[in-house]
Amino acid sequence: MDTGHEPEAESLAELARDLLSRAETPQVEVSTGAGIVYALRRGDWTLAVVAGRFALSSLVFFDMRRVIEEIG
């Protein structure tokens, strides 16, 4: 199924990889005025999440680690 979002998704994935690379860490949290970007790298997987300003980072990272465990 073609959703038409593949180029956009690939661009966002590249931004997440770049963010983690520049931070030189496997886990990053960046807060903006509109929300928070979370990025996590484990093994071959990189996962990025955008959430509202009031998300609890410990819970977001816990869930992200669980997702990577399940898909990896």
PDB file of N, CA and C in Angstrom:
ATOM      1  N   MET A   1       0.843  -1.171   0.000  1.00  0.00           N
ATOM      2  CA  MET A   1       0.000   0.000   0.000  1.00  0.00           C
ATOM      3  C   MET A   1       0.890   1.236   0.000  1.00  0.00           C
ATOM      4  N   ASP A   2       0.629   2.147  -0.907  1.00  0.00           N
ATOM      5  CA  ASP A   2       1.398   3.381  -1.012  1.00  0.00           C
ATOM      6  C   ASP A   2       0.644   4.503  -0.310  1.00  0.00           C
ATOM      7  N   THR A   3       1.221   5.005   0.775  1.00  0.00           N
ATOM      8  CA  THR A   3       0.560   6.069   1.532  1.00  0.00           C
ATOM      9  C   THR A   3       0.994   7.446   1.076  1.00  0.00           C
ATOM     10  N   GLY A   4       2.026   7.500   0.251  1.00  0.00           N
ATOM     11  CA  GLY A   4       2.513   8.796  -0.210  1.00  0.00           C
ATOM     12  C   GLY A   4       3.412   9.506   0.783  1.00  0.00           C
ATOM     13  N   HIS A   5       3.715   8.859   1.905  1.00  0.00           N
ATOM     14  CA  HIS A   5       4.518   9.496   2.950  1.00  0.00           C
ATOM     15  C   HIS A   5       5.944   8.964   3.016  1.00  0.00           C
ATOM     16  N   GLU A   6       6.322   8.071   2.124  1.00  0.00           N
ATOM     17  CA  GLU A   6       7.641   7.461   2.196  1.00  0.00           C
ATOM     18  C   GLU A   6       8.777   8.486   2.146  1.00  0.00           C
ATOM     19  N   PRO A   7       8.760   9.464   1.205  1.00  0.00           N
ATOM     20  CA  PRO A   7       9.855  10.456   1.195  1.00  0.00           C
ATOM     21  C   PRO A   7       9.922  11.265   2.488  1.00  0.00           C
ATOM     22  N   GLU A   8       8.761  11.620   3.021  1.00  0.00           N
ATOM     23  CA  GLU A   8       8.720  12.375   4.277  1.00  0.00           C
ATOM     24  C   GLU A   8       9.249  11.524   5.433  1.00  0.00           C
ATOM     25  N   ALA A   9       8.859  10.273   5.485  1.00  0.00           N
ATOM     26  CA  ALA A   9       9.323   9.375   6.545  1.00  0.00           C
ATOM     27  C   ALA A   9      10.825   9.181   6.465  1.00  0.00           C
ATOM     28  N   GLU A  10      11.348   9.021   5.262  1.00  0.00           N
ATOM     29  CA  GLU A  10      12.783   8.830   5.100  1.00  0.00           C
ATOM     30  C   GLU A  10      13.548  10.076   5.522  1.00  0.00           C
ATOM     31  N   SER A  11      13.009  11.241   5.232  1.00  0.00           N
ATOM     32  CA  SER A  11      13.632  12.503   5.637  1.00  0.00           C
ATOM     33  C   SER A  11      13.647  12.637   7.160  1.00  0.00           C
ATOM     34  N   LEU A  12      12.543  12.283   7.798  1.00  0.00           N
ATOM     35  CA  LEU A  12      12.479  12.348   9.260  1.00  0.00           C
ATOM     36  C   LEU A  12      13.416  11.333   9.898  1.00  0.00           C
ATOM     37  N   ALA A  13      13.525  10.161   9.293  1.00  0.00           N
ATOM     38  CA  ALA A  13      14.443   9.138   9.812  1.00  0.00           C
ATOM     39  C   ALA A  13      15.881   9.638   9.744  1.00  0.00           C
ATOM     40  N   GLU A  14      16.229  10.271   8.650  1.00  0.00           N
ATOM     41  CA  GLU A  14      17.587  10.809   8.504  1.00  0.00           C
ATOM     42  C   GLU A  14      17.862  11.883   9.554  1.00  0.00           C
ATOM     43  N   LEU A  15      16.872  12.726   9.828  1.00  0.00           N
ATOM     44  CA  LEU A  15      17.042  13.757  10.862  1.00  0.00           C
ATOM     45  C   LEU A  15      17.263  13.131  12.237  1.00  0.00           C
ATOM     46  N   ALA A  16      16.537  12.067  12.541  1.00  0.00           N
ATOM     47  CA  ALA A  16      16.713  11.380  13.828  1.00  0.00           C
ATOM     48  C   ALA A  16      18.101  10.776  13.938  1.00  0.00           C
ATOM     49  N   ARG A  17      18.564  10.128  12.871  1.00  0.00           N
ATOM     50  CA  ARG A  17      19.917   9.550  12.893  1.00  0.00           C
ATOM     51  C   ARG A  17      20.964  10.642  13.059  1.00  0.00           C
ATOM     52  N   ASP A  18      20.775  11.766  12.384  1.00  0.00           N
ATOM     53  CA  ASP A  18      21.711  12.881  12.481  1.00  0.00           C
ATOM     54  C   ASP A  18      21.727  13.457  13.894  1.00  0.00           C
ATOM     55  N   LEU A  19      20.562  13.577  14.505  1.00  0.00           N
ATOM     56  CA  LEU A  19      20.456  14.097  15.867  1.00  0.00           C
ATOM     57  C   LEU A  19      21.247  13.221  16.835  1.00  0.00           C
ATOM     58  N   LEU A  20      21.076  11.915  16.744  1.00  0.00           N
ATOM     59  CA  LEU A  20      21.794  10.997  17.630  1.00  0.00           C
ATOM     60  C   LEU A  20      23.291  11.021  17.350  1.00  0.00           C
ATOM     61  N   SER A  21      23.654  11.122  16.106  1.00  0.00           N
ATOM     62  CA  SER A  21      25.066  11.157  15.738  1.00  0.00           C
ATOM     63  C   SER A  21      25.749  12.404  16.285  1.00  0.00           C
ATOM     64  N   ARG A  22      25.102  13.537  16.128  1.00  0.00           N
ATOM     65  CA  ARG A  22      25.680  14.794  16.615  1.00  0.00           C
ATOM     66  C   ARG A  22      25.769  14.836  18.131  1.00  0.00           C
ATOM     67  N   ALA A  23      24.799  14.222  18.790  1.00  0.00           N
ATOM     68  CA  ALA A  23      24.796  14.203  20.255  1.00  0.00           C
ATOM     69  C   ALA A  23      25.805  13.194  20.801  1.00  0.00           C
ATOM     70  N   GLU A  24      26.249  12.264  19.934  1.00  0.00           N
ATOM     71  CA  GLU A  24      27.198  11.223  20.325  1.00  0.00           C
ATOM     72  C   GLU A  24      26.711  10.424  21.530  1.00  0.00           C
ATOM     73  N   THR A  25      25.428  10.102  21.503  1.00  0.00           N
ATOM     74  CA  THR A  25      24.809   9.330  22.568  1.00  0.00           C
ATOM     75  C   THR A  25      23.673   8.503  21.975  1.00  0.00           C
ATOM     76  N   PRO A  26      23.320   7.384  22.587  1.00  0.00           N
ATOM     77  CA  PRO A  26      22.251   6.558  22.024  1.00  0.00           C
ATOM     78  C   PRO A  26      20.840   7.036  22.373  1.00  0.00           C
ATOM     79  N   GLN A  27      20.742   8.095  23.182  1.00  0.00           N
ATOM     80  CA  GLN A  27      19.427   8.575  23.616  1.00  0.00           C
ATOM     81  C   GLN A  27      19.441  10.091  23.683  1.00  0.00           C
ATOM     82  N   VAL A  28      18.430  10.723  23.045  1.00  0.00           N
ATOM     83  CA  VAL A  28      18.379  12.181  23.014  1.00  0.00           C
ATOM     84  C   VAL A  28      16.942  12.651  23.253  1.00  0.00           C
ATOM     85  N   GLU A  29      16.828  13.741  23.977  1.00  0.00           N
ATOM     86  CA  GLU A  29      15.543  14.407  24.195  1.00  0.00           C
ATOM     87  C   GLU A  29      15.749  15.889  23.884  1.00  0.00           C
ATOM     88  N   VAL A  30      14.967  16.406  22.938  1.00  0.00           N
ATOM     89  CA  VAL A  30      15.075  17.812  22.553  1.00  0.00           C
ATOM     90  C   VAL A  30      13.716  18.458  22.724  1.00  0.00           C
ATOM     91  N   SER A  31      13.681  19.508  23.516  1.00  0.00           N
ATOM     92  CA  SER A  31      12.436  20.221  23.773  1.00  0.00           C
ATOM     93  C   SER A  31      12.352  21.461  22.897  1.00  0.00           C
ATOM     94  N   THR A  32      11.191  21.661  22.296  1.00  0.00           N
ATOM     95  CA  THR A  32      10.927  22.868  21.518  1.00  0.00           C
ATOM     96  C   THR A  32       9.735  23.575  22.151  1.00  0.00           C
ATOM     97  N   GLY A  33       9.367  24.700  21.627  1.00  0.00           N
ATOM     98  CA  GLY A  33       8.200  25.403  22.152  1.00  0.00           C
ATOM     99  C   GLY A  33       6.908  24.650  21.920  1.00  0.00           C
ATOM    100  N   ALA A  34       6.884  23.806  20.893  1.00  0.00           N
ATOM    101  CA  ALA A  34       5.653  23.104  20.532  1.00  0.00           C
ATOM    102  C   ALA A  34       5.592  21.673  21.048  1.00  0.00           C
ATOM    103  N   GLY A  35       6.719  21.087  21.401  1.00  0.00           N
ATOM    104  CA  GLY A  35       6.712  19.697  21.842  1.00  0.00           C
ATOM    105  C   GLY A  35       8.113  19.191  22.116  1.00  0.00           C
ATOM    106  N   ILE A  36       8.231  17.878  22.184  1.00  0.00           N
ATOM    107  CA  ILE A  36       9.500  17.246  22.518  1.00  0.00           C
ATOM    108  C   ILE A  36       9.792  16.150  21.494  1.00  0.00           C
ATOM    109  N   VAL A  37      11.041  16.077  21.072  1.00  0.00           N
ATOM    110  CA  VAL A  37      11.497  15.012  20.180  1.00  0.00           C
ATOM    111  C   VAL A  37      12.361  14.072  20.998  1.00  0.00           C
ATOM    112  N   TYR A  38      12.019  12.794  20.939  1.00  0.00           N
ATOM    113  CA  TYR A  38      12.797  11.752  21.605  1.00  0.00           C
ATOM    114  C   TYR A  38      13.408  10.875  20.527  1.00  0.00           C
ATOM    115  N   ALA A  39      14.668  10.525  20.674  1.00  0.00           N
ATOM    116  CA  ALA A  39      15.318   9.621  19.724  1.00  0.00           C
ATOM    117  C   ALA A  39      16.141   8.611  20.512  1.00  0.00           C
ATOM    118  N   LEU A  40      16.103   7.381  20.062  1.00  0.00           N
ATOM    119  CA  LEU A  40      16.782   6.294  20.750  1.00  0.00           C
ATOM    120  C   LEU A  40      17.360   5.343  19.710  1.00  0.00           C
ATOM    121  N   ARG A  41      18.608   4.934  19.923  1.00  0.00           N
ATOM    122  CA  ARG A  41      19.248   3.961  19.043  1.00  0.00           C
ATOM    123  C   ARG A  41      19.678   2.772  19.887  1.00  0.00           C
ATOM    124  N   ARG A  42      19.314   1.580  19.411  1.00  0.00           N
ATOM    125  CA  ARG A  42      19.721   0.321  20.046  1.00  0.00           C
ATOM    126  C   ARG A  42      20.027  -0.674  18.953  1.00  0.00           C
ATOM    127  N   GLY A  43      21.251  -1.142  18.902  1.00  0.00           N
ATOM    128  CA  GLY A  43      21.627  -2.101  17.869  1.00  0.00           C
ATOM    129  C   GLY A  43      21.451  -1.496  16.487  1.00  0.00           C
ATOM    130  N   ASP A  44      20.712  -2.200  15.651  1.00  0.00           N
ATOM    131  CA  ASP A  44      20.464  -1.738  14.286  1.00  0.00           C
ATOM    132  C   ASP A  44      19.254  -0.817  14.178  1.00  0.00           C
ATOM    133  N   TRP A  45      18.559  -0.583  15.270  1.00  0.00           N
ATOM    134  CA  TRP A  45      17.314   0.176  15.235  1.00  0.00           C
ATOM    135  C   TRP A  45      17.491   1.595  15.745  1.00  0.00           C
ATOM    136  N   THR A  46      16.833   2.532  15.080  1.00  0.00           N
ATOM    137  CA  THR A  46      16.742   3.919  15.534  1.00  0.00           C
ATOM    138  C   THR A  46      15.267   4.277  15.552  1.00  0.00           C
ATOM    139  N   LEU A  47      14.809   4.823  16.665  1.00  0.00           N
ATOM    140  CA  LEU A  47      13.402   5.157  16.826  1.00  0.00           C
ATOM    141  C   LEU A  47      13.293   6.599  17.268  1.00  0.00           C
ATOM    142  N   ALA A  48      12.394   7.349  16.644  1.00  0.00           N
ATOM    143  CA  ALA A  48      12.153   8.739  17.028  1.00  0.00           C
ATOM    144  C   ALA A  48      10.665   8.926  17.288  1.00  0.00           C
ATOM    145  N   VAL A  49      10.359   9.740  18.291  1.00  0.00           N
ATOM    146  CA  VAL A  49       8.978  10.013  18.674  1.00  0.00           C
ATOM    147  C   VAL A  49       8.847  11.512  18.913  1.00  0.00           C
ATOM    148  N   VAL A  50       7.739  12.064  18.459  1.00  0.00           N
ATOM    149  CA  VAL A  50       7.422  13.462  18.737  1.00  0.00           C
ATOM    150  C   VAL A  50       6.202  13.458  19.641  1.00  0.00           C
ATOM    151  N   ALA A  51       6.289  14.195  20.746  1.00  0.00           N
ATOM    152  CA  ALA A  51       5.202  14.206  21.726  1.00  0.00           C
ATOM    153  C   ALA A  51       4.900  15.637  22.164  1.00  0.00           C
ATOM    154  N   GLY A  52       3.798  15.776  22.844  1.00  0.00           N
ATOM    155  CA  GLY A  52       3.427  17.074  23.397  1.00  0.00           C
ATOM    156  C   GLY A  52       4.374  17.489  24.503  1.00  0.00           C
ATOM    157  N   ARG A  53       4.246  18.727  24.917  1.00  0.00           N
ATOM    158  CA  ARG A  53       5.174  19.289  25.910  1.00  0.00           C
ATOM    159  C   ARG A  53       5.091  18.629  27.274  1.00  0.00           C
ATOM    160  N   PHE A  54       3.992  17.945  27.572  1.00  0.00           N
ATOM    161  CA  PHE A  54       3.810  17.422  28.914  1.00  0.00           C
ATOM    162  C   PHE A  54       4.049  15.908  29.011  1.00  0.00           C
ATOM    163  N   ALA A  55       4.660  15.325  27.996  1.00  0.00           N
ATOM    164  CA  ALA A  55       4.990  13.896  28.043  1.00  0.00           C
ATOM    165  C   ALA A  55       6.072  13.659  29.092  1.00  0.00           C
ATOM    166  N   LEU A  56       5.993  12.539  29.763  1.00  0.00           N
ATOM    167  CA  LEU A  56       6.998  12.179  30.766  1.00  0.00           C
ATOM    168  C   LEU A  56       8.120  11.411  30.080  1.00  0.00           C
ATOM    169  N   SER A  57       9.301  12.002  30.053  1.00  0.00           N
ATOM    170  CA  SER A  57      10.408  11.421  29.291  1.00  0.00           C
ATOM    171  C   SER A  57      10.753  10.012  29.743  1.00  0.00           C
ATOM    172  N   SER A  58      10.710   9.739  31.035  1.00  0.00           N
ATOM    173  CA  SER A  58      11.056   8.393  31.501  1.00  0.00           C
ATOM    174  C   SER A  58      10.088   7.354  30.935  1.00  0.00           C
ATOM    175  N   LEU A  59       8.810   7.692  30.843  1.00  0.00           N
ATOM    176  CA  LEU A  59       7.830   6.763  30.283  1.00  0.00           C
ATOM    177  C   LEU A  59       7.983   6.620  28.774  1.00  0.00           C
ATOM    178  N   VAL A  60       8.256   7.727  28.103  1.00  0.00           N
ATOM    179  CA  VAL A  60       8.448   7.671  26.653  1.00  0.00           C
ATOM    180  C   VAL A  60       9.644   6.791  26.316  1.00  0.00           C
ATOM    181  N   PHE A  61      10.761   6.998  27.001  1.00  0.00           N
ATOM    182  CA  PHE A  61      11.945   6.182  26.727  1.00  0.00           C
ATOM    183  C   PHE A  61      11.726   4.715  27.120  1.00  0.00           C
ATOM    184  N   PHE A  62      11.000   4.474  28.174  1.00  0.00           N
ATOM    185  CA  PHE A  62      10.671   3.092  28.557  1.00  0.00           C
ATOM    186  C   PHE A  62       9.888   2.420  27.439  1.00  0.00           C
ATOM    187  N   ASP A  63       8.867   3.102  26.944  1.00  0.00           N
ATOM    188  CA  ASP A  63       8.049   2.549  25.858  1.00  0.00           C
ATOM    189  C   ASP A  63       8.870   2.352  24.588  1.00  0.00           C
ATOM    190  N   MET A  64       9.743   3.297  24.289  1.00  0.00           N
ATOM    191  CA  MET A  64      10.581   3.171  23.095  1.00  0.00           C
ATOM    192  C   MET A  64      11.496   1.956  23.198  1.00  0.00           C
ATOM    193  N   ARG A  65      12.082   1.742  24.371  1.00  0.00           N
ATOM    194  CA  ARG A  65      12.950   0.572  24.565  1.00  0.00           C
ATOM    195  C   ARG A  65      12.147  -0.726  24.403  1.00  0.00           C
ATOM    196  N   ARG A  66      10.936  -0.734  24.906  1.00  0.00           N
ATOM    197  CA  ARG A  66      10.068  -1.920  24.769  1.00  0.00           C
ATOM    198  C   ARG A  66       9.735  -2.193  23.315  1.00  0.00           C
ATOM    199  N   VAL A  67       9.452  -1.152  22.551  1.00  0.00           N
ATOM    200  CA  VAL A  67       9.145  -1.314  21.129  1.00  0.00           C
ATOM    201  C   VAL A  67      10.336  -1.916  20.408  1.00  0.00           C
ATOM    202  N   ILE A  68      11.516  -1.381  20.667  1.00  0.00           N
ATOM    203  CA  ILE A  68      12.716  -1.907  20.004  1.00  0.00           C
ATOM    204  C   ILE A  68      12.967  -3.356  20.397  1.00  0.00           C
ATOM    205  N   GLU A  69      12.728  -3.693  21.651  1.00  0.00           N
ATOM    206  CA  GLU A  69      12.880  -5.091  22.081  1.00  0.00           C
ATOM    207  C   GLU A  69      11.910  -5.991  21.313  1.00  0.00           C
ATOM    208  N   GLU A  70      10.689  -5.538  21.120  1.00  0.00           N
ATOM    209  CA  GLU A  70       9.672  -6.345  20.448  1.00  0.00           C
ATOM    210  C   GLU A  70       9.958  -6.521  18.972  1.00  0.00           C
ATOM    211  N   ILE A  71      10.433  -5.472  18.304  1.00  0.00           N
ATOM    212  CA  ILE A  71      10.665  -5.577  16.858  1.00  0.00           C
ATOM    213  C   ILE A  71      12.040  -6.145  16.546  1.00  0.00           C
ATOM    214  N   GLY A  72      12.957  -6.048  17.510  1.00  0.00           N
ATOM    215  CA  GLY A  72      14.312  -6.543  17.283  1.00  0.00           C
ATOM    216  C   GLY A  72      14.420  -7.959  17.683  1.00  0.00           C
TER     217      GLY A  72
END
